[in-house]
Amino acid sequence: MAEWDPFREVKKVKDQINRGVSNLVGGYQKPYSNITQNPRWVVINIELPDIRKRNIILEVNDERLVVRAENSSRMVEKGKNSYYEADRSYGYHRTITLPKGLAVDKTEAKFIGKVLKIRIPKRKTSKKVSIK
């Protein structure tokens, strides 16, 4: 049985409150993501549910990758004696510090099934040298 950690419990409560407030008033959330690498690529997958491709902004430079995505919706209901209107805006924002030695000018990105798939190739930094 795991030992009780009060700091972990406080963090859980804080995360729940932040999620609830973001859902009520809109705002940016940190999307779920995973980052892997192999000898040739750094691969980043970021989940962006309920986002359209045209609403995604991707910026990459030698130091970091920034992903922003926003979704705005407007709901209007007209009844016989009532009228209801609501504007909602929410989005995702994630900044990832990149390792050195990437060819960021050759970054590839695809948005497939609500997942943004980003591949950044690694630069070839060494080569074999023959000794004469």
C-alpha atoms as a PDB file:
ATOM      1  CA  MET A   1       0.000   0.000   0.000  1.00  0.00           C
ATOM      2  CA  ALA A   2       1.371   3.406  -1.001  1.00  0.00           C
ATOM      3  CA  GLU A   3       2.192   5.908   1.712  1.00  0.00           C
ATOM      4  CA  TRP A   4      -0.142   8.904   1.956  1.00  0.00           C
ATOM      5  CA  ASP A   5       1.399  12.035   0.450  1.00  0.00           C
ATOM      6  CA  PRO A   6      -0.373  15.289   1.375  1.00  0.00           C
ATOM      7  CA  PHE A   7       1.362  17.198  -1.436  1.00  0.00           C
ATOM      8  CA  ARG A   8       0.044  14.751  -4.028  1.00  0.00           C
ATOM      9  CA  GLU A   9      -3.471  15.170  -2.609  1.00  0.00           C
ATOM     10  CA  VAL A  10      -3.209  18.981  -2.732  1.00  0.00           C
ATOM     11  CA  LYS A  11      -2.024  18.796  -6.346  1.00  0.00           C
ATOM     12  CA  LYS A  12      -5.006  16.564  -7.263  1.00  0.00           C
ATOM     13  CA  VAL A  13      -7.459  19.038  -5.731  1.00  0.00           C
ATOM     14  CA  LYS A  14      -5.725  21.977  -7.432  1.00  0.00           C
ATOM     15  CA  ASP A  15      -5.896  20.204 -10.826  1.00  0.00           C
ATOM     16  CA  GLN A  16      -9.610  19.465 -10.351  1.00  0.00           C
ATOM     17  CA  ILE A  17     -10.339  23.079  -9.432  1.00  0.00           C
ATOM     18  CA  ASN A  18      -8.345  24.388 -12.427  1.00  0.00           C
ATOM     19  CA  ARG A  19     -10.188  22.030 -14.781  1.00  0.00           C
ATOM     20  CA  GLY A  20     -13.546  23.117 -13.386  1.00  0.00           C
ATOM     21  CA  VAL A  21     -12.740  26.826 -13.636  1.00  0.00           C
ATOM     22  CA  SER A  22     -11.429  26.407 -17.196  1.00  0.00           C
ATOM     23  CA  ASN A  23     -14.631  24.637 -18.189  1.00  0.00           C
ATOM     24  CA  LEU A  24     -16.767  27.399 -16.665  1.00  0.00           C
ATOM     25  CA  VAL A  25     -14.994  30.470 -17.997  1.00  0.00           C
ATOM     26  CA  GLY A  26     -12.965  29.119 -20.881  1.00  0.00           C
ATOM     27  CA  GLY A  27      -9.218  29.260 -20.985  1.00  0.00           C
ATOM     28  CA  TYR A  28      -6.193  27.306 -22.015  1.00  0.00           C
ATOM     29  CA  GLN A  29      -5.404  23.838 -20.815  1.00  0.00           C
ATOM     30  CA  LYS A  30      -2.241  21.822 -21.155  1.00  0.00           C
ATOM     31  CA  PRO A  31      -3.055  19.034 -23.642  1.00  0.00           C
ATOM     32  CA  TYR A  32      -2.059  15.420 -23.149  1.00  0.00           C
ATOM     33  CA  SER A  33       1.084  14.657 -25.083  1.00  0.00           C
ATOM     34  CA  ASN A  34       3.918  12.208 -25.420  1.00  0.00           C
ATOM     35  CA  ILE A  35       7.420  12.710 -26.707  1.00  0.00           C
ATOM     36  CA  THR A  36       9.642   9.949 -28.015  1.00  0.00           C
ATOM     37  CA  GLN A  37      12.854   9.823 -29.961  1.00  0.00           C
ATOM     38  CA  ASN A  38      14.851   7.378 -31.959  1.00  0.00           C
ATOM     39  CA  PRO A  39      18.237   7.773 -33.677  1.00  0.00           C
ATOM     40  CA  ARG A  40      16.678   9.788 -36.539  1.00  0.00           C
ATOM     41  CA  TRP A  41      13.651  11.686 -35.156  1.00  0.00           C
ATOM     42  CA  VAL A  42      12.032  13.383 -32.189  1.00  0.00           C
ATOM     43  CA  VAL A  43       8.328  12.512 -32.361  1.00  0.00           C
ATOM     44  CA  ILE A  44       5.685  14.500 -30.481  1.00  0.00           C
ATOM     45  CA  ASN A  45       2.009  13.515 -30.333  1.00  0.00           C
ATOM     46  CA  ILE A  46      -0.432  16.004 -28.821  1.00  0.00           C
ATOM     47  CA  GLU A  47      -4.135  15.288 -28.247  1.00  0.00           C
ATOM     48  CA  LEU A  48      -6.376  18.183 -29.304  1.00  0.00           C
ATOM     49  CA  PRO A  49      -9.994  17.022 -28.907  1.00  0.00           C
ATOM     50  CA  ASP A  50     -12.749  19.190 -30.379  1.00  0.00           C
ATOM     51  CA  ILE A  51     -10.234  21.301 -32.324  1.00  0.00           C
ATOM     52  CA  ARG A  52     -10.214  21.865 -36.068  1.00  0.00           C
ATOM     53  CA  LYS A  53      -6.979  21.826 -38.040  1.00  0.00           C
ATOM     54  CA  ARG A  54      -7.396  25.447 -39.112  1.00  0.00           C
ATOM     55  CA  ASN A  55      -7.418  26.527 -35.438  1.00  0.00           C
ATOM     56  CA  ILE A  56      -3.961  25.115 -34.645  1.00  0.00           C
ATOM     57  CA  ILE A  57      -0.878  27.333 -34.530  1.00  0.00           C
ATOM     58  CA  LEU A  58       2.498  25.612 -34.473  1.00  0.00           C
ATOM     59  CA  GLU A  59       5.739  27.517 -33.932  1.00  0.00           C
ATOM     60  CA  VAL A  60       9.144  25.863 -33.821  1.00  0.00           C
ATOM     61  CA  ASN A  61      12.658  27.195 -33.416  1.00  0.00           C
ATOM     62  CA  ASP A  62      15.992  25.788 -32.259  1.00  0.00           C
ATOM     63  CA  GLU A  63      14.993  25.993 -28.598  1.00  0.00           C
ATOM     64  CA  ARG A  64      11.286  25.254 -28.328  1.00  0.00           C
ATOM     65  CA  LEU A  65       8.079  24.072 -29.917  1.00  0.00           C
ATOM     66  CA  VAL A  66       4.872  25.975 -29.142  1.00  0.00           C
ATOM     67  CA  VAL A  67       1.419  24.586 -29.936  1.00  0.00           C
ATOM     68  CA  ARG A  68      -1.706  26.697 -29.494  1.00  0.00           C
ATOM     69  CA  ALA A  69      -5.191  25.618 -30.447  1.00  0.00           C
ATOM     70  CA  GLU A  70      -8.462  27.386 -29.824  1.00  0.00           C
ATOM     71  CA  ASN A  71     -12.103  26.542 -30.233  1.00  0.00           C
ATOM     72  CA  SER A  72     -14.909  29.044 -29.869  1.00  0.00           C
ATOM     73  CA  SER A  73     -18.555  28.144 -29.921  1.00  0.00           C
ATOM     74  CA  ARG A  74     -21.753  30.104 -29.764  1.00  0.00           C
ATOM     75  CA  MET A  75     -24.971  28.565 -28.584  1.00  0.00           C
ATOM     76  CA  VAL A  76     -28.324  30.250 -29.135  1.00  0.00           C
ATOM     77  CA  GLU A  77     -31.633  28.808 -28.064  1.00  0.00           C
ATOM     78  CA  LYS A  78     -34.899  30.569 -28.817  1.00  0.00           C
ATOM     79  CA  GLY A  79     -38.019  29.407 -27.098  1.00  0.00           C
ATOM     80  CA  LYS A  80     -41.563  30.678 -27.249  1.00  0.00           C
ATOM     81  CA  ASN A  81     -41.027  33.026 -24.303  1.00  0.00           C
ATOM     82  CA  SER A  82     -37.290  32.769 -23.738  1.00  0.00           C
ATOM     83  CA  TYR A  83     -33.951  33.476 -25.335  1.00  0.00           C
ATOM     84  CA  TYR A  84     -30.619  31.989 -24.260  1.00  0.00           C
ATOM     85  CA  GLU A  85     -27.222  32.866 -25.684  1.00  0.00           C
ATOM     86  CA  ALA A  86     -23.765  31.699 -24.578  1.00  0.00           C
ATOM     87  CA  ASP A  87     -20.275  32.236 -25.949  1.00  0.00           C
ATOM     88  CA  ARG A  88     -17.636  29.729 -24.975  1.00  0.00           C
ATOM     89  CA  SER A  89     -13.990  29.751 -25.779  1.00  0.00           C
ATOM     90  CA  TYR A  90     -11.391  27.247 -24.747  1.00  0.00           C
ATOM     91  CA  GLY A  91      -8.131  25.995 -26.031  1.00  0.00           C
ATOM     92  CA  TYR A  92      -4.848  24.296 -25.487  1.00  0.00           C
ATOM     93  CA  HIS A  93      -1.355  25.652 -25.084  1.00  0.00           C
ATOM     94  CA  ARG A  94       1.839  23.660 -24.778  1.00  0.00           C
ATOM     95  CA  THR A  95       5.482  24.729 -24.896  1.00  0.00           C
ATOM     96  CA  ILE A  96       8.100  22.005 -25.224  1.00  0.00           C
ATOM     97  CA  THR A  97      11.809  22.637 -24.806  1.00  0.00           C
ATOM     98  CA  LEU A  98      13.635  20.870 -27.636  1.00  0.00           C
ATOM     99  CA  PRO A  99      16.958  19.061 -27.392  1.00  0.00           C
ATOM    100  CA  LYS A 100      19.961  20.432 -29.259  1.00  0.00           C
ATOM    101  CA  GLY A 101      20.878  19.138 -32.694  1.00  0.00           C
ATOM    102  CA  LEU A 102      17.495  19.113 -34.449  1.00  0.00           C
ATOM    103  CA  ALA A 103      16.850  20.195 -38.037  1.00  0.00           C
ATOM    104  CA  VAL A 104      13.806  22.299 -37.130  1.00  0.00           C
ATOM    105  CA  ASP A 105      13.551  23.673 -40.670  1.00  0.00           C
ATOM    106  CA  LYS A 106      12.505  20.154 -41.754  1.00  0.00           C
ATOM    107  CA  THR A 107       9.733  19.721 -39.169  1.00  0.00           C
ATOM    108  CA  GLU A 108       6.727  17.701 -40.341  1.00  0.00           C
ATOM    109  CA  ALA A 109       3.243  17.954 -38.812  1.00  0.00           C
ATOM    110  CA  LYS A 110      -0.004  16.098 -39.498  1.00  0.00           C
ATOM    111  CA  PHE A 111      -3.365  16.328 -37.752  1.00  0.00           C
ATOM    112  CA  ILE A 112      -4.935  12.877 -37.748  1.00  0.00           C
ATOM    113  CA  GLY A 113      -7.896  11.779 -35.658  1.00  0.00           C
ATOM    114  CA  LYS A 114      -7.678  14.675 -33.158  1.00  0.00           C
ATOM    115  CA  VAL A 115      -3.953  14.026 -32.590  1.00  0.00           C
ATOM    116  CA  LEU A 116      -1.301  16.436 -33.832  1.00  0.00           C
ATOM    117  CA  LYS A 117       1.703  14.340 -34.896  1.00  0.00           C
ATOM    118  CA  ILE A 118       4.962  16.255 -35.162  1.00  0.00           C
ATOM    119  CA  ARG A 119       8.278  14.813 -36.366  1.00  0.00           C
ATOM    120  CA  ILE A 120      11.527  16.736 -36.169  1.00  0.00           C
ATOM    121  CA  PRO A 121      14.613  15.125 -37.722  1.00  0.00           C
ATOM    122  CA  LYS A 122      17.919  15.036 -35.910  1.00  0.00           C
ATOM    123  CA  ARG A 123      20.935  16.569 -37.617  1.00  0.00           C
ATOM    124  CA  LYS A 124      23.778  14.301 -38.509  1.00  0.00           C
ATOM    125  CA  THR A 125      26.480  15.564 -36.200  1.00  0.00           C
ATOM    126  CA  SER A 126      29.173  13.015 -36.792  1.00  0.00           C
ATOM    127  CA  LYS A 127      30.583  11.034 -39.675  1.00  0.00           C
ATOM    128  CA  LYS A 128      33.117   8.312 -40.123  1.00  0.00           C
ATOM    129  CA  VAL A 129      36.564   9.453 -41.066  1.00  0.00           C
ATOM    130  CA  SER A 130      39.031   7.137 -42.717  1.00  0.00           C
ATOM    131  CA  ILE A 131      42.572   7.209 -41.367  1.00  0.00           C
ATOM    132  CA  LYS A 132      45.372   7.395 -43.933  1.00  0.00           C
END
